[in-house]
């Protein structure tokens, strides 16, 4: 499932921007489809132009019936009547989505015999100080088994002593959910931590859900700003 809002606060209509002959959202859809990992790939959107772009290209699109504040709610509505177990959320602004990273989050559930894990997601190590301190970059800290402890826009862990060799991970916005966890998310109200950070993954933690993080070495490019689009066009070459 690829949630796709037309109105993005930092870069309006970013998903419809041209990326070497095709809109960003179509590039992302094709990347997810070409992995060959899924029974079906859908774009879930509130936008007629996005809906039409996907359908005109022969893809599958679903129009949201309600207004939604986040991707999890949008996907929950779309899958509520589907007979599925695992749902993967690929962000619409990730045209460089790769097979190995997605395979990694799916393997979490294959190995989870007791079905104790509610979600799996991706993280990538970052060392650039500007990115570590950038509030647009969501950071995650994990325990010894790579279960998420917390997500933040602030640099976590905070280096109280500058000679501390802290490791920083960027949270990549790709999730795999058990359907029950996704449906729980939809009915549970937002709590103060999520409201403060504006990070939907925190809601799962606040209600006791287990999120297994999988490290990837594929950084990719998330198109959040016009500058990111320029980088994406250069990388696409």
Protein backbone atom coordinates (compact mmCIF):
# COMPACT_ATOMS: atom_id res chain seq x y z
CA UNK A 1 0.00 0.00 0.00
CA UNK A 2 1.35 3.42 -1.02
CA UNK A 3 -0.46 6.27 0.77
CA UNK A 4 -0.41 9.38 -1.39
CA UNK A 5 -1.58 12.82 -0.29
CA UNK A 6 -1.62 15.61 -2.84
CA UNK A 7 -1.20 18.44 -0.30
CA UNK A 8 2.21 18.13 1.36
CA UNK A 9 3.12 20.92 3.77
CA UNK A 10 6.81 21.26 2.83
CA UNK A 11 6.45 20.58 -0.92
CA UNK A 12 2.87 20.77 -2.26
CA UNK A 13 2.08 18.40 -5.14
CA UNK A 14 5.50 16.75 -4.77
CA UNK A 15 4.15 13.34 -5.82
CA UNK A 16 3.08 14.75 -9.18
CA UNK A 17 6.46 16.32 -9.94
CA UNK A 18 8.24 14.99 -13.01
CA UNK A 19 11.07 12.51 -12.47
CA UNK A 20 12.56 11.85 -15.89
CA UNK A 21 9.29 11.54 -17.77
CA UNK A 22 6.99 10.14 -15.09
CA UNK A 23 5.46 11.56 -11.88
CA UNK A 24 7.21 10.68 -8.62
CA UNK A 25 4.22 8.65 -7.42
CA UNK A 26 4.24 6.50 -10.56
CA UNK A 27 7.99 5.90 -10.23
CA UNK A 28 7.41 4.76 -6.64
CA UNK A 29 4.52 2.50 -7.63
CA UNK A 30 6.60 0.88 -10.36
CA UNK A 31 9.54 0.38 -8.00
CA UNK A 32 7.32 -1.43 -5.47
CA UNK A 33 5.71 -3.54 -8.20
CA UNK A 34 9.04 -4.51 -9.76
CA UNK A 35 10.31 -6.05 -6.51
CA UNK A 36 7.96 -8.98 -7.14
CA UNK A 37 7.46 -9.41 -3.39
CA UNK A 38 3.74 -8.64 -3.14
CA UNK A 39 0.45 -10.23 -4.07
CA UNK A 40 -0.84 -6.77 -4.98
CA UNK A 41 0.34 -3.15 -4.96
CA UNK A 42 -2.08 -0.24 -4.54
CA UNK A 43 -1.81 3.53 -4.32
CA UNK A 44 -4.27 4.87 -1.73
CA UNK A 45 -5.01 8.53 -2.29
CA UNK A 46 -7.32 11.50 -1.72
CA UNK A 47 -6.33 13.02 -5.06
CA UNK A 48 -8.10 12.61 -8.41
CA UNK A 49 -4.93 13.49 -10.40
CA UNK A 50 -2.88 10.87 -8.53
CA UNK A 51 -5.68 8.30 -8.87
CA UNK A 52 -5.88 8.92 -12.63
CA UNK A 53 -2.11 8.79 -13.17
CA UNK A 54 -1.90 5.33 -11.60
CA UNK A 55 -4.99 3.97 -13.35
CA UNK A 56 -3.97 5.38 -16.74
CA UNK A 57 -0.65 3.56 -16.37
CA UNK A 58 -2.51 0.28 -15.76
CA UNK A 59 -1.91 0.31 -12.01
CA UNK A 60 -4.22 -0.21 -9.04
CA UNK A 61 -5.49 2.80 -7.08
CA UNK A 62 -8.01 3.29 -4.28
CA UNK A 63 -9.71 6.59 -3.45
CA UNK A 64 -10.00 7.31 0.26
CA UNK A 65 -13.57 7.75 1.48
CA UNK A 66 -12.60 9.95 4.46
CA UNK A 67 -10.07 12.64 5.30
CA UNK A 68 -7.00 11.23 7.05
CA UNK A 69 -4.19 12.81 9.04
CA UNK A 70 -1.60 10.10 8.40
CA UNK A 71 -0.71 7.22 6.13
CA UNK A 72 -1.59 4.49 8.64
CA UNK A 73 -5.18 5.72 8.90
CA UNK A 74 -5.46 5.96 5.12
CA UNK A 75 -4.19 2.40 4.66
CA UNK A 76 -6.35 1.03 7.49
CA UNK A 77 -9.48 2.28 5.74
CA UNK A 78 -8.37 0.74 2.44
CA UNK A 79 -7.59 -2.74 3.84
CA UNK A 80 -10.40 -3.01 6.40
CA UNK A 81 -12.42 -5.34 4.17
CA UNK A 82 -9.48 -7.25 2.67
CA UNK A 83 -8.50 -10.77 3.70
CA UNK A 84 -4.81 -10.05 4.32
CA UNK A 85 -2.29 -10.74 7.08
CA UNK A 86 0.71 -8.50 6.38
CA UNK A 87 0.46 -5.03 4.85
CA UNK A 88 3.52 -3.06 3.75
CA UNK A 89 3.43 0.73 3.68
CA UNK A 90 5.78 2.25 1.10
CA UNK A 91 5.91 6.05 1.16
CA UNK A 92 4.83 7.71 -2.08
CA UNK A 93 7.89 9.95 -2.14
CA UNK A 94 10.38 7.03 -2.24
CA UNK A 95 10.98 6.27 -5.94
CA UNK A 96 14.26 4.51 -5.06
CA UNK A 97 12.50 1.84 -2.98
CA UNK A 98 14.62 -1.32 -3.27
CA UNK A 99 13.84 -5.03 -3.11
CA UNK A 100 16.41 -6.05 -0.48
CA UNK A 101 15.14 -3.54 2.11
CA UNK A 102 11.52 -4.60 1.62
CA UNK A 103 12.52 -8.25 1.75
CA UNK A 104 14.18 -7.55 5.11
CA UNK A 105 11.00 -6.27 6.76
CA UNK A 106 8.97 -9.20 5.40
CA UNK A 107 11.47 -11.72 6.77
CA UNK A 108 10.77 -10.39 10.28
CA UNK A 109 7.30 -11.92 10.13
CA UNK A 110 8.48 -15.16 8.53
CA UNK A 111 10.77 -15.67 11.54
CA UNK A 112 8.19 -14.53 14.12
CA UNK A 113 6.68 -17.94 14.84
CA UNK A 114 4.87 -16.77 18.01
CA UNK A 115 3.43 -13.74 16.20
CA UNK A 116 4.67 -11.38 18.90
CA UNK A 117 5.86 -8.61 16.55
CA UNK A 118 3.28 -6.04 15.47
CA UNK A 119 5.33 -4.00 13.02
CA UNK A 120 8.66 -4.04 11.22
CA UNK A 121 10.38 -0.99 9.82
CA UNK A 122 13.70 0.20 8.38
CA UNK A 123 16.56 2.25 9.74
CA UNK A 124 19.81 3.39 8.16
CA UNK A 125 22.96 4.54 9.96
CA UNK A 126 23.73 8.25 9.58
CA UNK A 127 26.95 10.11 10.41
CA UNK A 128 26.40 13.54 8.87
CA UNK A 129 26.01 16.03 11.74
CA UNK A 130 23.64 18.27 9.79
CA UNK A 131 21.32 15.34 9.08
CA UNK A 132 21.49 14.15 12.70
CA UNK A 133 20.32 17.59 13.85
CA UNK A 134 17.78 18.11 11.06
CA UNK A 135 14.20 17.93 12.47
CA UNK A 136 12.98 16.65 9.09
CA UNK A 137 15.08 13.53 9.69
CA UNK A 138 13.33 11.18 12.12
CA UNK A 139 15.79 9.31 14.33
CA UNK A 140 15.19 6.02 16.12
CA UNK A 141 16.89 4.31 19.06
CA UNK A 142 16.65 0.56 19.60
CA UNK A 143 17.37 -2.06 22.25
CA UNK A 144 19.83 -4.96 21.94
CA UNK A 145 17.35 -6.94 19.82
CA UNK A 146 16.64 -3.99 17.51
CA UNK A 147 13.18 -3.29 18.91
CA UNK A 148 12.34 0.41 18.71
CA UNK A 149 12.52 2.30 22.00
CA UNK A 150 11.65 5.76 20.69
CA UNK A 151 11.49 7.95 17.58
CA UNK A 152 12.32 11.65 17.59
CA UNK A 153 13.06 14.64 15.40
CA UNK A 154 15.72 15.61 17.94
CA UNK A 155 19.16 13.98 17.87
CA UNK A 156 18.85 10.84 19.99
CA UNK A 157 20.83 9.76 21.87
CA UNK A 158 21.96 13.21 23.01
CA UNK A 159 25.79 13.32 23.24
CA UNK A 160 26.28 14.85 26.68
CA UNK A 161 30.02 14.26 26.34
CA UNK A 162 31.32 15.09 22.88
CA UNK A 163 33.83 12.24 22.80
CA UNK A 164 31.06 9.65 23.13
CA UNK A 165 30.89 7.40 20.07
CA UNK A 166 27.11 7.37 19.69
CA UNK A 167 25.46 5.60 16.76
CA UNK A 168 22.60 7.39 15.02
CA UNK A 169 19.90 5.79 12.91
CA UNK A 170 17.51 7.49 10.55
CA UNK A 171 14.03 5.98 10.42
CA UNK A 172 13.02 5.22 6.84
CA UNK A 173 9.26 5.48 6.37
CA UNK A 174 8.62 1.92 5.25
CA UNK A 175 6.49 -0.22 7.56
CA UNK A 176 5.16 -3.75 7.50
CA UNK A 177 2.14 -4.30 9.76
CA UNK A 178 0.11 -7.18 11.00
CA UNK A 179 -3.42 -6.23 10.02
CA UNK A 180 -4.63 -6.28 13.62
CA UNK A 181 -2.01 -3.69 14.65
CA UNK A 182 -3.03 -1.41 11.80
CA UNK A 183 -6.72 -1.66 12.67
CA UNK A 184 -5.91 -0.96 16.33
CA UNK A 185 -4.03 2.17 15.28
CA UNK A 186 -7.08 3.50 13.46
CA UNK A 187 -9.34 3.31 16.54
CA UNK A 188 -6.82 4.47 19.16
CA UNK A 189 -6.65 8.21 19.86
CA UNK A 190 -3.47 10.20 19.41
CA UNK A 191 -1.54 10.72 22.67
CA UNK A 192 0.75 13.62 23.70
CA UNK A 193 4.09 12.18 22.53
CA UNK A 194 2.86 11.56 19.00
CA UNK A 195 1.14 14.95 18.93
CA UNK A 196 4.35 16.66 20.04
CA UNK A 197 6.76 14.96 17.64
CA UNK A 198 4.30 14.52 14.75
CA UNK A 199 5.56 10.96 14.19
CA UNK A 200 2.83 8.34 13.78
CA UNK A 201 5.13 5.43 14.75
CA UNK A 202 5.12 6.76 18.31
CA UNK A 203 1.43 5.91 18.68
CA UNK A 204 2.23 2.24 18.27
CA UNK A 205 4.87 2.46 21.02
CA UNK A 206 2.59 4.44 23.34
CA UNK A 207 0.02 1.64 23.16
CA UNK A 208 2.57 -1.12 23.73
CA UNK A 209 3.03 -2.42 20.19
CA UNK A 210 6.36 -4.08 19.32
CA UNK A 211 8.25 -2.55 16.39
CA UNK A 212 11.20 -4.54 15.05
CA UNK A 213 13.73 -2.36 13.24
CA UNK A 214 15.76 -3.74 10.36
CA UNK A 215 19.00 -2.03 9.41
CA UNK A 216 19.49 -1.29 5.72
CA UNK A 217 22.47 0.21 3.97
CA UNK A 218 20.39 1.68 1.15
CA UNK A 219 19.95 5.37 1.90
CA UNK A 220 17.78 6.28 -1.08
CA UNK A 221 16.25 9.72 -1.53
CA UNK A 222 12.97 10.79 0.07
CA UNK A 223 11.49 13.70 -1.85
CA UNK A 224 10.40 16.10 0.88
CA UNK A 225 11.66 19.36 -0.64
CA UNK A 226 12.41 20.84 -4.10
CA UNK A 227 16.09 20.29 -3.32
CA UNK A 228 15.43 16.57 -2.81
CA UNK A 229 13.79 16.43 -6.24
CA UNK A 230 16.93 17.89 -7.81
CA UNK A 231 19.02 15.22 -6.06
CA UNK A 232 16.60 12.51 -7.23
CA UNK A 233 16.85 13.65 -10.84
CA UNK A 234 20.65 13.53 -10.65
CA UNK A 235 20.59 10.09 -9.04
CA UNK A 236 18.10 8.74 -11.60
CA UNK A 237 20.63 9.38 -14.37
